[in-house]
Amino acid sequence: MKNVTDELQKILQDLTGEGKKPTTALVRARLTTQIPMPAIIAAVKSFKSTSHVPKIEVRETSLTADERIAQLEEQVKELTERLIALENK
């Protein structure tokens, strides 16, 4: 298990330091570790009420190169679609 509490705490503090309201989307965008959405939501809620993030651990998964490439290709596809949608507004 990998403890991601410190990473979440730093991201949330950075966001508030920048004058931004911490949201799950902003936190997720800055994460370097893949964390399940319920854990991100719990961290944001806790931080908003107490300025503290509870201990959060995630299972470390080792992806093969092919799996990582497939994930990245899917992310690029999704981001391209979002960019096109934004440009067409």
C-alpha atoms as a PDB file:
ATOM      1  CA  MET A   1       0.000   0.000   0.000  1.00  0.00           C
ATOM      2  CA  LYS A   2       1.179   3.491  -0.826  1.00  0.00           C
ATOM      3  CA  ASN A   3       0.395   6.391   1.501  1.00  0.00           C
ATOM      4  CA  VAL A   4      -0.827   9.357  -0.579  1.00  0.00           C
ATOM      5  CA  THR A   5      -1.889  11.575   2.316  1.00  0.00           C
ATOM      6  CA  ASP A   6       1.080  13.935   1.995  1.00  0.00           C
ATOM      7  CA  GLU A   7       0.579  14.386  -1.742  1.00  0.00           C
ATOM      8  CA  LEU A   8      -3.105  15.219  -1.243  1.00  0.00           C
ATOM      9  CA  GLN A   9      -2.347  17.595   1.647  1.00  0.00           C
ATOM     10  CA  LYS A  10       0.261  19.454  -0.430  1.00  0.00           C
ATOM     11  CA  ILE A  11      -2.065  19.774  -3.440  1.00  0.00           C
ATOM     12  CA  LEU A  12      -4.911  21.073  -1.296  1.00  0.00           C
ATOM     13  CA  GLN A  13      -2.634  23.575   0.471  1.00  0.00           C
ATOM     14  CA  ASP A  14      -1.201  24.729  -2.858  1.00  0.00           C
ATOM     15  CA  LEU A  15      -4.687  25.310  -4.247  1.00  0.00           C
ATOM     16  CA  THR A  16      -5.784  27.367  -1.260  1.00  0.00           C
ATOM     17  CA  GLY A  17      -2.481  29.238  -1.362  1.00  0.00           C
ATOM     18  CA  GLU A  18      -3.247  30.167  -4.972  1.00  0.00           C
ATOM     19  CA  GLY A  19      -6.643  31.474  -3.883  1.00  0.00           C
ATOM     20  CA  LYS A  20      -8.518  28.622  -5.556  1.00  0.00           C
ATOM     21  CA  LYS A  21     -11.333  26.669  -3.959  1.00  0.00           C
ATOM     22  CA  PRO A  22     -10.236  23.007  -3.759  1.00  0.00           C
ATOM     23  CA  THR A  23     -12.425  20.758  -5.871  1.00  0.00           C
ATOM     24  CA  THR A  24     -12.117  17.110  -6.782  1.00  0.00           C
ATOM     25  CA  ALA A  25     -11.403  18.056 -10.401  1.00  0.00           C
ATOM     26  CA  LEU A  26      -8.571  20.436  -9.497  1.00  0.00           C
ATOM     27  CA  VAL A  27      -7.051  17.907  -7.109  1.00  0.00           C
ATOM     28  CA  ARG A  28      -7.333  15.043  -9.585  1.00  0.00           C
ATOM     29  CA  ALA A  29      -5.660  17.136 -12.294  1.00  0.00           C
ATOM     30  CA  ARG A  30      -2.591  17.669 -10.107  1.00  0.00           C
ATOM     31  CA  LEU A  31      -2.185  14.130  -8.812  1.00  0.00           C
ATOM     32  CA  THR A  32       0.826  12.099  -9.815  1.00  0.00           C
ATOM     33  CA  THR A  33      -0.657   8.937  -8.327  1.00  0.00           C
ATOM     34  CA  GLN A  34      -3.879   7.336  -9.442  1.00  0.00           C
ATOM     35  CA  ILE A  35      -6.318   7.656  -6.542  1.00  0.00           C
ATOM     36  CA  PRO A  36      -9.947   6.463  -6.558  1.00  0.00           C
ATOM     37  CA  MET A  37     -12.503   9.276  -6.743  1.00  0.00           C
ATOM     38  CA  PRO A  38     -14.176   8.425  -3.390  1.00  0.00           C
ATOM     39  CA  ALA A  39     -10.816   8.897  -1.658  1.00  0.00           C
ATOM     40  CA  ILE A  40     -10.298  12.269  -3.369  1.00  0.00           C
ATOM     41  CA  ILE A  41     -13.809  13.362  -2.372  1.00  0.00           C
ATOM     42  CA  ALA A  42     -13.186  12.343   1.247  1.00  0.00           C
ATOM     43  CA  ALA A  43      -9.884  14.221   1.304  1.00  0.00           C
ATOM     44  CA  VAL A  44     -11.409  17.412  -0.127  1.00  0.00           C
ATOM     45  CA  LYS A  45     -14.361  17.294   2.300  1.00  0.00           C
ATOM     46  CA  SER A  46     -12.076  16.720   5.263  1.00  0.00           C
ATOM     47  CA  PHE A  47      -9.695  19.478   4.189  1.00  0.00           C
ATOM     48  CA  LYS A  48     -12.533  21.973   3.739  1.00  0.00           C
ATOM     49  CA  SER A  49     -13.860  21.320   7.236  1.00  0.00           C
ATOM     50  CA  THR A  50     -10.651  20.778   9.225  1.00  0.00           C
ATOM     51  CA  SER A  51      -7.726  21.786   6.943  1.00  0.00           C
ATOM     52  CA  HIS A  52      -6.453  18.252   7.452  1.00  0.00           C
ATOM     53  CA  VAL A  53      -6.418  15.192   5.179  1.00  0.00           C
ATOM     54  CA  PRO A  54      -7.071  11.789   6.769  1.00  0.00           C
ATOM     55  CA  LYS A  55      -4.599   8.995   6.109  1.00  0.00           C
ATOM     56  CA  ILE A  56      -5.289   7.628   2.627  1.00  0.00           C
ATOM     57  CA  GLU A  57      -3.518   4.633   1.151  1.00  0.00           C
ATOM     58  CA  VAL A  58      -3.924   3.156  -2.303  1.00  0.00           C
ATOM     59  CA  ARG A  59      -2.883  -0.197  -3.638  1.00  0.00           C
ATOM     60  CA  GLU A  60       0.191  -0.002  -5.799  1.00  0.00           C
ATOM     61  CA  THR A  61      -0.368  -1.484  -9.200  1.00  0.00           C
ATOM     62  CA  SER A  62       2.343  -2.258 -11.644  1.00  0.00           C
ATOM     63  CA  LEU A  63       1.096  -1.811 -15.165  1.00  0.00           C
ATOM     64  CA  THR A  64       2.775  -3.331 -18.131  1.00  0.00           C
ATOM     65  CA  ALA A  65       4.088  -1.031 -20.830  1.00  0.00           C
ATOM     66  CA  ASP A  66       1.195  -2.017 -23.100  1.00  0.00           C
ATOM     67  CA  GLU A  67      -1.356  -1.203 -20.381  1.00  0.00           C
ATOM     68  CA  ARG A  68       0.262   2.167 -19.718  1.00  0.00           C
ATOM     69  CA  ILE A  69       0.288   2.973 -23.439  1.00  0.00           C
ATOM     70  CA  ALA A  70      -3.380   2.010 -23.733  1.00  0.00           C
ATOM     71  CA  GLN A  71      -4.244   4.284 -20.788  1.00  0.00           C
ATOM     72  CA  LEU A  72      -2.296   7.171 -22.268  1.00  0.00           C
ATOM     73  CA  GLU A  73      -3.902   6.698 -25.673  1.00  0.00           C
ATOM     74  CA  GLU A  74      -7.344   6.764 -24.045  1.00  0.00           C
ATOM     75  CA  GLN A  75      -6.456   9.942 -22.144  1.00  0.00           C
ATOM     76  CA  VAL A  76      -5.209  11.616 -25.317  1.00  0.00           C
ATOM     77  CA  LYS A  77      -8.423  10.615 -27.104  1.00  0.00           C
ATOM     78  CA  GLU A  78     -10.593  12.035 -24.298  1.00  0.00           C
ATOM     79  CA  LEU A  79      -8.588  15.254 -24.091  1.00  0.00           C
ATOM     80  CA  THR A  80      -8.718  15.702 -27.865  1.00  0.00           C
ATOM     81  CA  GLU A  81     -12.492  15.292 -27.811  1.00  0.00           C
ATOM     82  CA  ARG A  82     -12.789  17.847 -25.000  1.00  0.00           C
ATOM     83  CA  LEU A  83     -10.542  20.290 -26.849  1.00  0.00           C
ATOM     84  CA  ILE A  84     -12.619  19.955 -30.025  1.00  0.00           C
ATOM     85  CA  ALA A  85     -15.818  20.518 -28.031  1.00  0.00           C
ATOM     86  CA  LEU A  86     -14.355  23.638 -26.425  1.00  0.00           C
ATOM     87  CA  GLU A  87     -13.154  25.013 -29.747  1.00  0.00           C
ATOM     88  CA  ASN A  88     -16.622  24.526 -31.269  1.00  0.00           C
ATOM     89  CA  LYS A  89     -18.344  26.617 -28.579  1.00  0.00           C
END
